Amino acid sequence: MRHLRRCVELATEALEAGDEPFGSVLAAADGTALAEDRNRVAFGDRTRHPEFELARWAAANMTPEERAAATVFTSGEHCPMCAAAHGWVGLGRIVYVSSSEQLAAWLAELGVPAPPVRTLPVREVAPGVVVEGPVPALAEQVHELHRRCHGDSPS
């Protein structure tokens, strides 16, 4: 839960910096946090997702064996782009707070237009990756961040 809480903190930092609320932590097999990042798409590069950045970091800094034993913790389930990067780099397990299905429902209720890329569960993009989530204990916090991001925050 400690890494997932940090993901929510990073998502909050992203929102406070004017970005969409997503955050991720890459942990070694022993649970040590190796790298973390938050969404950075606000300035026009829609590929600057934290999960994609962590896959790049892992490819440059970890052996294939270390990558396979690692876990990516994240505030939201990987999008198809990030799931593909995760699979191609050979990272291990993914643990997410909120699912892509939850996010799609939340954005629809807020009237946010559908993204240009279809939302798919990680298992459909990278079927060999072990995926765990959602985590109900933190999902409402992530839901609130998306309400704040898209202008429908309760007072």
C-alpha atoms as a PDB file:
ATOM      1  CA  MET A   1       0.000   0.000   0.000  1.00  0.00           C
ATOM      2  CA  ARG A   2       2.917   2.379   0.620  1.00  0.00           C
ATOM      3  CA  HIS A   3       3.831   2.489  -3.079  1.00  0.00           C
ATOM      4  CA  LEU A   4       0.190   2.898  -4.101  1.00  0.00           C
ATOM      5  CA  ARG A   5      -0.220   5.800  -1.671  1.00  0.00           C
ATOM      6  CA  ARG A   6       2.873   7.379  -3.237  1.00  0.00           C
ATOM      7  CA  CYS A   7       1.258   6.945  -6.669  1.00  0.00           C
ATOM      8  CA  VAL A   8      -1.776   8.912  -5.453  1.00  0.00           C
ATOM      9  CA  GLU A   9       0.592  11.603  -4.093  1.00  0.00           C
ATOM     10  CA  LEU A  10       2.335  11.787  -7.472  1.00  0.00           C
ATOM     11  CA  ALA A  11      -1.039  11.999  -9.237  1.00  0.00           C
ATOM     12  CA  THR A  12      -1.933  14.877  -6.918  1.00  0.00           C
ATOM     13  CA  GLU A  13       1.380  16.583  -7.751  1.00  0.00           C
ATOM     14  CA  ALA A  14       0.595  16.195 -11.457  1.00  0.00           C
ATOM     15  CA  LEU A  15      -2.832  17.766 -10.999  1.00  0.00           C
ATOM     16  CA  GLU A  16      -1.379  20.646  -8.953  1.00  0.00           C
ATOM     17  CA  ALA A  17       1.153  21.232 -11.777  1.00  0.00           C
ATOM     18  CA  GLY A  18      -1.704  21.579 -14.280  1.00  0.00           C
ATOM     19  CA  ASP A  19      -1.541  18.059 -15.622  1.00  0.00           C
ATOM     20  CA  GLU A  20      -3.794  15.006 -15.636  1.00  0.00           C
ATOM     21  CA  PRO A  21      -3.648  13.075 -12.333  1.00  0.00           C
ATOM     22  CA  PHE A  22      -1.520   9.981 -12.850  1.00  0.00           C
ATOM     23  CA  GLY A  23       1.510   8.778 -10.899  1.00  0.00           C
ATOM     24  CA  SER A  24       3.620   5.619 -10.859  1.00  0.00           C
ATOM     25  CA  VAL A  25       6.408   3.939  -8.884  1.00  0.00           C
ATOM     26  CA  LEU A  26       8.792   1.244 -10.133  1.00  0.00           C
ATOM     27  CA  ALA A  27       9.886  -1.141  -7.374  1.00  0.00           C
ATOM     28  CA  ALA A  28      12.532  -3.842  -7.337  1.00  0.00           C
ATOM     29  CA  ALA A  29      11.732  -7.424  -6.368  1.00  0.00           C
ATOM     30  CA  ASP A  30      12.576  -6.613  -2.723  1.00  0.00           C
ATOM     31  CA  GLY A  31      10.113  -3.699  -2.687  1.00  0.00           C
ATOM     32  CA  THR A  32      12.703  -0.928  -2.919  1.00  0.00           C
ATOM     33  CA  ALA A  33      11.429   2.038  -4.936  1.00  0.00           C
ATOM     34  CA  LEU A  34      13.795   2.531  -7.868  1.00  0.00           C
ATOM     35  CA  ALA A  35      12.119   5.307  -9.854  1.00  0.00           C
ATOM     36  CA  GLU A  36       8.900   7.296  -9.893  1.00  0.00           C
ATOM     37  CA  ASP A  37       7.182   9.777 -12.138  1.00  0.00           C
ATOM     38  CA  ARG A  38       3.939  11.622 -12.744  1.00  0.00           C
ATOM     39  CA  ASN A  39       2.002  12.588 -15.837  1.00  0.00           C
ATOM     40  CA  ARG A  40       3.664  15.287 -17.951  1.00  0.00           C
ATOM     41  CA  VAL A  41       1.337  15.595 -20.954  1.00  0.00           C
ATOM     42  CA  ALA A  42       0.105  19.147 -20.358  1.00  0.00           C
ATOM     43  CA  PHE A  43       2.682  20.714 -22.659  1.00  0.00           C
ATOM     44  CA  GLY A  44       1.583  18.807 -25.752  1.00  0.00           C
ATOM     45  CA  ASP A  45       3.481  15.496 -25.737  1.00  0.00           C
ATOM     46  CA  ARG A  46       0.701  13.009 -24.995  1.00  0.00           C
ATOM     47  CA  THR A  47       3.239  10.170 -24.667  1.00  0.00           C
ATOM     48  CA  ARG A  48       4.680  11.554 -21.408  1.00  0.00           C
ATOM     49  CA  HIS A  49       2.830   9.070 -19.193  1.00  0.00           C
ATOM     50  CA  PRO A  50       4.673   7.958 -16.050  1.00  0.00           C
ATOM     51  CA  GLU A  51       4.338   4.267 -16.901  1.00  0.00           C
ATOM     52  CA  PHE A  52       5.995   4.840 -20.292  1.00  0.00           C
ATOM     53  CA  GLU A  53       8.813   6.849 -18.666  1.00  0.00           C
ATOM     54  CA  LEU A  54       9.379   4.090 -16.102  1.00  0.00           C
ATOM     55  CA  ALA A  55       9.561   1.468 -18.873  1.00  0.00           C
ATOM     56  CA  ARG A  56      12.240   3.572 -20.582  1.00  0.00           C
ATOM     57  CA  TRP A  57      14.095   4.006 -17.283  1.00  0.00           C
ATOM     58  CA  ALA A  58      13.954   0.259 -16.616  1.00  0.00           C
ATOM     59  CA  ALA A  59      15.282  -0.580 -20.094  1.00  0.00           C
ATOM     60  CA  ALA A  60      18.258   1.728 -19.546  1.00  0.00           C
ATOM     61  CA  ASN A  61      19.029   0.843 -15.928  1.00  0.00           C
ATOM     62  CA  MET A  62      17.987  -2.740 -15.161  1.00  0.00           C
ATOM     63  CA  THR A  63      18.936  -6.193 -16.399  1.00  0.00           C
ATOM     64  CA  PRO A  64      16.229  -8.287 -18.059  1.00  0.00           C
ATOM     65  CA  GLU A  65      16.048 -10.424 -14.904  1.00  0.00           C
ATOM     66  CA  GLU A  66      15.623  -7.375 -12.664  1.00  0.00           C
ATOM     67  CA  ARG A  67      12.912  -6.007 -14.933  1.00  0.00           C
ATOM     68  CA  ALA A  68      11.002  -9.292 -14.915  1.00  0.00           C
ATOM     69  CA  ALA A  69      11.062  -9.363 -11.103  1.00  0.00           C
ATOM     70  CA  ALA A  70      10.026  -5.696 -10.713  1.00  0.00           C
ATOM     71  CA  THR A  71       6.567  -4.251 -10.055  1.00  0.00           C
ATOM     72  CA  VAL A  72       5.065  -1.070 -11.450  1.00  0.00           C
ATOM     73  CA  PHE A  73       2.602   0.487  -9.016  1.00  0.00           C
ATOM     74  CA  THR A  74       0.332   3.091 -10.549  1.00  0.00           C
ATOM     75  CA  SER A  75      -2.670   5.262  -9.776  1.00  0.00           C
ATOM     76  CA  GLY A  76      -4.454   4.092 -12.933  1.00  0.00           C
ATOM     77  CA  GLU A  77      -4.258   0.997 -15.089  1.00  0.00           C
ATOM     78  CA  HIS A  78      -1.855   1.408 -18.000  1.00  0.00           C
ATOM     79  CA  CYS A  79      -3.233   2.722 -21.273  1.00  0.00           C
ATOM     80  CA  PRO A  80      -2.533   0.579 -24.374  1.00  0.00           C
ATOM     81  CA  MET A  81       0.633   2.572 -25.196  1.00  0.00           C
ATOM     82  CA  CYS A  82       2.058   2.083 -21.707  1.00  0.00           C
ATOM     83  CA  ALA A  83       0.966  -1.546 -21.514  1.00  0.00           C
ATOM     84  CA  ALA A  84       2.803  -2.218 -24.782  1.00  0.00           C
ATOM     85  CA  ALA A  85       5.960  -0.471 -23.502  1.00  0.00           C
ATOM     86  CA  HIS A  86       5.724  -2.490 -20.268  1.00  0.00           C
ATOM     87  CA  GLY A  87       5.438  -5.738 -22.218  1.00  0.00           C
ATOM     88  CA  TRP A  88       8.188  -4.927 -24.731  1.00  0.00           C
ATOM     89  CA  VAL A  89      10.642  -3.964 -21.962  1.00  0.00           C
ATOM     90  CA  GLY A  90       9.829  -7.154 -20.049  1.00  0.00           C
ATOM     91  CA  LEU A  91       8.701  -5.610 -16.793  1.00  0.00           C
ATOM     92  CA  GLY A  92       6.951  -7.801 -14.254  1.00  0.00           C
ATOM     93  CA  ARG A  93       3.751  -7.244 -12.345  1.00  0.00           C
ATOM     94  CA  ILE A  94       1.477  -4.189 -12.473  1.00  0.00           C
ATOM     95  CA  VAL A  95      -0.554  -3.102  -9.441  1.00  0.00           C
ATOM     96  CA  TYR A  96      -3.021  -0.277 -10.063  1.00  0.00           C
ATOM     97  CA  VAL A  97      -5.452   1.723  -7.909  1.00  0.00           C
ATOM     98  CA  SER A  98      -8.156   2.334 -10.532  1.00  0.00           C
ATOM     99  CA  SER A  99      -8.930   0.349 -13.664  1.00  0.00           C
ATOM    100  CA  SER A 100      -9.219   1.644 -17.196  1.00  0.00           C
ATOM    101  CA  GLU A 101     -12.898   0.649 -17.010  1.00  0.00           C
ATOM    102  CA  GLN A 102     -13.394   2.819 -13.910  1.00  0.00           C
ATOM    103  CA  LEU A 103     -11.571   5.740 -15.531  1.00  0.00           C
ATOM    104  CA  ALA A 104     -13.671   5.503 -18.698  1.00  0.00           C
ATOM    105  CA  ALA A 105     -16.864   5.570 -16.599  1.00  0.00           C
ATOM    106  CA  TRP A 106     -15.648   8.516 -14.520  1.00  0.00           C
ATOM    107  CA  LEU A 107     -14.676  10.541 -17.593  1.00  0.00           C
ATOM    108  CA  ALA A 108     -17.977   9.741 -19.296  1.00  0.00           C
ATOM    109  CA  GLU A 109     -19.929  10.932 -16.249  1.00  0.00           C
ATOM    110  CA  LEU A 110     -17.913  14.168 -16.373  1.00  0.00           C
ATOM    111  CA  GLY A 111     -18.643  14.638 -20.078  1.00  0.00           C
ATOM    112  CA  VAL A 112     -14.997  14.290 -21.134  1.00  0.00           C
ATOM    113  CA  PRO A 113     -14.654  13.296 -24.809  1.00  0.00           C
ATOM    114  CA  ALA A 114     -13.316   9.816 -25.517  1.00  0.00           C
ATOM    115  CA  PRO A 115      -9.544   9.625 -26.083  1.00  0.00           C
ATOM    116  CA  PRO A 116      -8.153   9.097 -29.601  1.00  0.00           C
ATOM    117  CA  VAL A 117      -6.898   5.622 -28.622  1.00  0.00           C
ATOM    118  CA  ARG A 118      -9.316   2.943 -27.470  1.00  0.00           C
ATOM    119  CA  THR A 119      -9.108   2.087 -23.780  1.00  0.00           C
ATOM    120  CA  LEU A 120      -8.173  -1.551 -23.262  1.00  0.00           C
ATOM    121  CA  PRO A 121      -7.291  -3.558 -20.168  1.00  0.00           C
ATOM    122  CA  VAL A 122      -3.571  -4.370 -19.847  1.00  0.00           C
ATOM    123  CA  ARG A 123      -4.354  -8.097 -20.242  1.00  0.00           C
ATOM    124  CA  GLU A 124      -5.628  -7.460 -23.782  1.00  0.00           C
ATOM    125  CA  VAL A 125      -2.455  -5.613 -24.811  1.00  0.00           C
ATOM    126  CA  ALA A 126       0.184  -7.556 -22.853  1.00  0.00           C
ATOM    127  CA  PRO A 127      -1.440 -10.885 -21.926  1.00  0.00           C
ATOM    128  CA  GLY A 128       1.644 -12.262 -20.170  1.00  0.00           C
ATOM    129  CA  VAL A 129       1.796  -9.483 -17.568  1.00  0.00           C
ATOM    130  CA  VAL A 130       0.462 -10.218 -14.077  1.00  0.00           C
ATOM    131  CA  VAL A 131      -2.020  -7.464 -13.205  1.00  0.00           C
ATOM    132  CA  GLU A 132      -3.587  -6.676  -9.829  1.00  0.00           C
ATOM    133  CA  GLY A 133      -6.237  -4.061  -9.173  1.00  0.00           C
ATOM    134  CA  PRO A 134      -8.295  -2.080  -8.650  1.00  0.00           C
ATOM    135  CA  VAL A 135      -7.676  -1.188  -5.011  1.00  0.00           C
ATOM    136  CA  PRO A 136     -10.996   0.066  -3.587  1.00  0.00           C
ATOM    137  CA  ALA A 137      -9.336   1.590  -0.500  1.00  0.00           C
ATOM    138  CA  LEU A 138      -7.686   4.273  -2.683  1.00  0.00           C
ATOM    139  CA  ALA A 139      -9.898   4.372  -5.783  1.00  0.00           C
ATOM    140  CA  GLU A 140     -12.179   7.113  -4.463  1.00  0.00           C
ATOM    141  CA  GLN A 141      -9.154   9.385  -3.926  1.00  0.00           C
ATOM    142  CA  VAL A 142      -8.175   8.893  -7.573  1.00  0.00           C
ATOM    143  CA  HIS A 143     -11.790   9.468  -8.646  1.00  0.00           C
ATOM    144  CA  GLU A 144     -11.774  12.782  -6.760  1.00  0.00           C
ATOM    145  CA  LEU A 145      -8.548  13.837  -8.509  1.00  0.00           C
ATOM    146  CA  HIS A 146     -10.217  13.262 -11.886  1.00  0.00           C
ATOM    147  CA  ARG A 147     -13.287  15.237 -10.758  1.00  0.00           C
ATOM    148  CA  ARG A 148     -10.968  18.104  -9.795  1.00  0.00           C
ATOM    149  CA  CYS A 149      -9.068  17.821 -13.079  1.00  0.00           C
ATOM    150  CA  HIS A 150     -12.189  18.017 -15.201  1.00  0.00           C
ATOM    151  CA  GLY A 151     -13.987  20.722 -13.236  1.00  0.00           C
ATOM    152  CA  ASP A 152     -16.606  18.807 -11.267  1.00  0.00           C
ATOM    153  CA  SER A 153     -15.186  18.843  -7.758  1.00  0.00           C
ATOM    154  CA  PRO A 154     -17.706  18.941  -4.925  1.00  0.00           C
ATOM    155  CA  SER A 155     -17.316  21.868  -2.540  1.00  0.00           C
END
